[in-house]
Amino acid sequence: MLKVKDTLRATVNLTFDGRVMKVYHGPNARARFENEVRILRHLEARGCGFVPRLLEADPAQLRIVTTNCGTRVEHLDAERARELFAELEPYGVRHDDPDVRNVTYRQSDGRFCVIDFELATFLPGFEQTPPS
């Protein structure tokens, strides 16, 4: 495994078979874990194709396993970043941490993707709305 992030809030590893493992720790770890799981399930149910797919969620270990959405992006034009994060809004989600560190590039289709939804929120009216 390759460690790609190790902060006070989370440790993220990339497995050799391409999965991403994220373990939450620090302040509000359980709430951040639960929020990211809820948001990722919501986005998948609505067919959002530019975010990771949740493969596993282990509440006992506060760990998720997701698909890999590509490589980290070092630079992104501010306008393009705004457009990318705004693409989540029709799915009922606001990222709430729209920084370039939360953007990846998926080379297979040339698509910028959004990651790290632990601080994301639902837009009004989407909190309990079933997928269409």
Protein backbone atom coordinates (compact mmCIF):
# COMPACT_ATOMS: atom_id res chain seq x y z
CA MET A 1 0.00 0.00 0.00
CA LEU A 2 1.03 3.55 -0.66
CA LYS A 3 0.24 6.17 1.98
CA VAL A 4 -1.08 9.26 0.20
CA LYS A 5 -2.34 11.25 3.18
CA ASP A 6 -1.69 11.16 6.91
CA THR A 7 -3.13 14.07 8.85
CA LEU A 8 -4.77 14.63 12.23
CA ARG A 9 -8.17 13.89 10.64
CA ALA A 10 -7.53 10.94 8.33
CA THR A 11 -5.07 8.48 6.88
CA VAL A 12 -5.51 7.56 3.22
CA ASN A 13 -3.79 4.64 1.52
CA LEU A 14 -3.85 3.51 -2.09
CA THR A 15 -3.82 -0.28 -2.48
CA PHE A 16 -1.86 -1.96 -5.24
CA ASP A 17 -5.11 -3.09 -6.87
CA GLY A 18 -6.28 0.52 -7.12
CA ARG A 19 -8.64 0.89 -4.19
CA VAL A 20 -8.51 3.82 -1.76
CA MET A 21 -8.68 3.12 1.98
CA LYS A 22 -9.50 6.00 4.30
CA VAL A 23 -9.44 5.77 8.09
CA TYR A 24 -10.91 8.63 10.12
CA HIS A 25 -9.46 9.82 13.41
CA GLY A 26 -9.23 12.99 15.44
CA PRO A 27 -12.08 15.36 16.26
CA ASN A 28 -15.56 14.25 15.18
CA ALA A 29 -14.16 11.20 13.37
CA ARG A 30 -17.39 9.19 13.63
CA ALA A 31 -19.55 12.08 12.37
CA ARG A 32 -17.19 12.72 9.43
CA PHE A 33 -17.15 9.00 8.57
CA GLU A 34 -20.95 8.77 8.69
CA ASN A 35 -21.34 11.92 6.62
CA GLU A 36 -18.97 10.79 3.87
CA VAL A 37 -20.68 7.38 3.69
CA ARG A 38 -24.11 9.04 3.46
CA ILE A 39 -22.98 11.51 0.78
CA LEU A 40 -21.20 8.88 -1.36
CA ARG A 41 -24.23 6.56 -1.23
CA HIS A 42 -26.49 9.46 -2.19
CA LEU A 43 -24.29 10.43 -5.15
CA GLU A 44 -24.01 6.86 -6.39
CA ALA A 45 -27.78 6.35 -6.17
CA ARG A 46 -28.20 9.40 -8.39
CA GLY A 47 -25.65 8.28 -10.96
CA CYS A 48 -22.95 10.86 -10.29
CA GLY A 49 -20.03 9.58 -12.36
CA PHE A 50 -17.22 11.86 -11.23
CA VAL A 51 -16.87 10.82 -7.59
CA PRO A 52 -15.48 7.65 -5.98
CA ARG A 53 -17.75 4.64 -5.53
CA LEU A 54 -18.08 3.39 -1.97
CA LEU A 55 -17.02 -0.28 -1.89
CA GLU A 56 -16.94 -0.84 1.89
CA ALA A 57 -17.84 1.07 5.04
CA ASP A 58 -16.66 -0.28 8.40
CA PRO A 59 -18.15 1.73 11.27
CA ALA A 60 -16.22 -0.25 13.89
CA GLN A 61 -12.88 0.83 12.39
CA LEU A 62 -14.14 4.16 10.97
CA ARG A 63 -12.80 3.05 7.59
CA ILE A 64 -14.10 3.30 4.05
CA VAL A 65 -12.83 1.70 0.87
CA THR A 66 -13.60 3.41 -2.43
CA THR A 67 -12.68 3.22 -6.07
CA ASN A 68 -9.81 5.36 -7.24
CA CYS A 69 -10.83 8.45 -9.21
CA GLY A 70 -7.41 9.16 -10.68
CA THR A 71 -4.34 11.10 -9.74
CA ARG A 72 -4.15 14.20 -7.64
CA VAL A 73 -4.26 17.52 -9.44
CA GLU A 74 -1.55 20.04 -8.62
CA HIS A 75 -3.02 23.09 -10.36
CA LEU A 76 -6.50 23.95 -11.54
CA ASP A 77 -7.79 27.25 -12.83
CA ALA A 78 -10.05 28.88 -10.21
CA GLU A 79 -12.95 29.20 -12.66
CA ARG A 80 -12.70 25.55 -13.71
CA ALA A 81 -12.58 24.51 -10.04
CA ARG A 82 -15.77 26.50 -9.32
CA GLU A 83 -17.48 24.86 -12.30
CA LEU A 84 -16.38 21.39 -11.21
CA PHE A 85 -17.65 21.72 -7.64
CA ALA A 86 -20.87 23.33 -8.94
CA GLU A 87 -21.50 20.17 -10.97
CA LEU A 88 -22.36 18.45 -7.67
CA GLU A 89 -25.31 20.76 -7.01
CA PRO A 90 -27.81 19.11 -9.41
CA TYR A 91 -27.14 15.95 -7.40
CA GLY A 92 -28.11 17.81 -4.22
CA VAL A 93 -24.65 18.12 -2.68
CA ARG A 94 -22.42 21.03 -1.76
CA HIS A 95 -18.81 19.96 -1.19
CA ASP A 96 -18.00 22.62 1.45
CA ASP A 97 -14.22 22.15 0.98
CA PRO A 98 -13.75 23.13 -2.68
CA ASP A 99 -9.98 23.03 -2.78
CA VAL A 100 -7.72 21.65 -5.51
CA ARG A 101 -6.50 18.98 -3.05
CA ASN A 102 -9.99 17.46 -3.43
CA VAL A 103 -9.76 17.14 -7.21
CA THR A 104 -8.32 14.23 -9.16
CA TYR A 105 -7.85 13.60 -12.85
CA ARG A 106 -9.09 10.33 -14.34
CA GLN A 107 -6.91 9.70 -17.36
CA SER A 108 -9.12 6.93 -18.79
CA ASP A 109 -11.75 9.47 -19.86
CA GLY A 110 -10.02 12.81 -19.30
CA ARG A 111 -12.40 13.71 -16.48
CA PHE A 112 -11.74 15.81 -13.41
CA CYS A 113 -13.28 14.15 -10.36
CA VAL A 114 -14.14 15.29 -6.84
CA ILE A 115 -13.07 13.41 -3.70
CA ASP A 116 -13.23 13.78 0.10
CA PHE A 117 -16.84 14.33 1.12
CA GLU A 118 -16.50 14.24 4.91
CA LEU A 119 -17.47 17.92 5.22
CA ALA A 120 -20.03 17.97 2.39
CA THR A 121 -23.67 18.89 2.98
CA PHE A 122 -26.97 18.20 1.30
CA LEU A 123 -28.70 21.08 -0.40
CA PRO A 124 -32.20 21.92 0.91
CA GLY A 125 -34.75 19.39 -0.26
CA PHE A 126 -32.26 16.58 -0.94
CA GLU A 127 -31.64 15.35 2.62
CA GLN A 128 -34.29 12.63 2.50
CA THR A 129 -35.20 12.60 -1.17
CA PRO A 130 -35.06 9.11 -2.71
CA PRO A 131 -33.15 8.75 -6.00
CA SER A 132 -35.17 9.30 -9.15
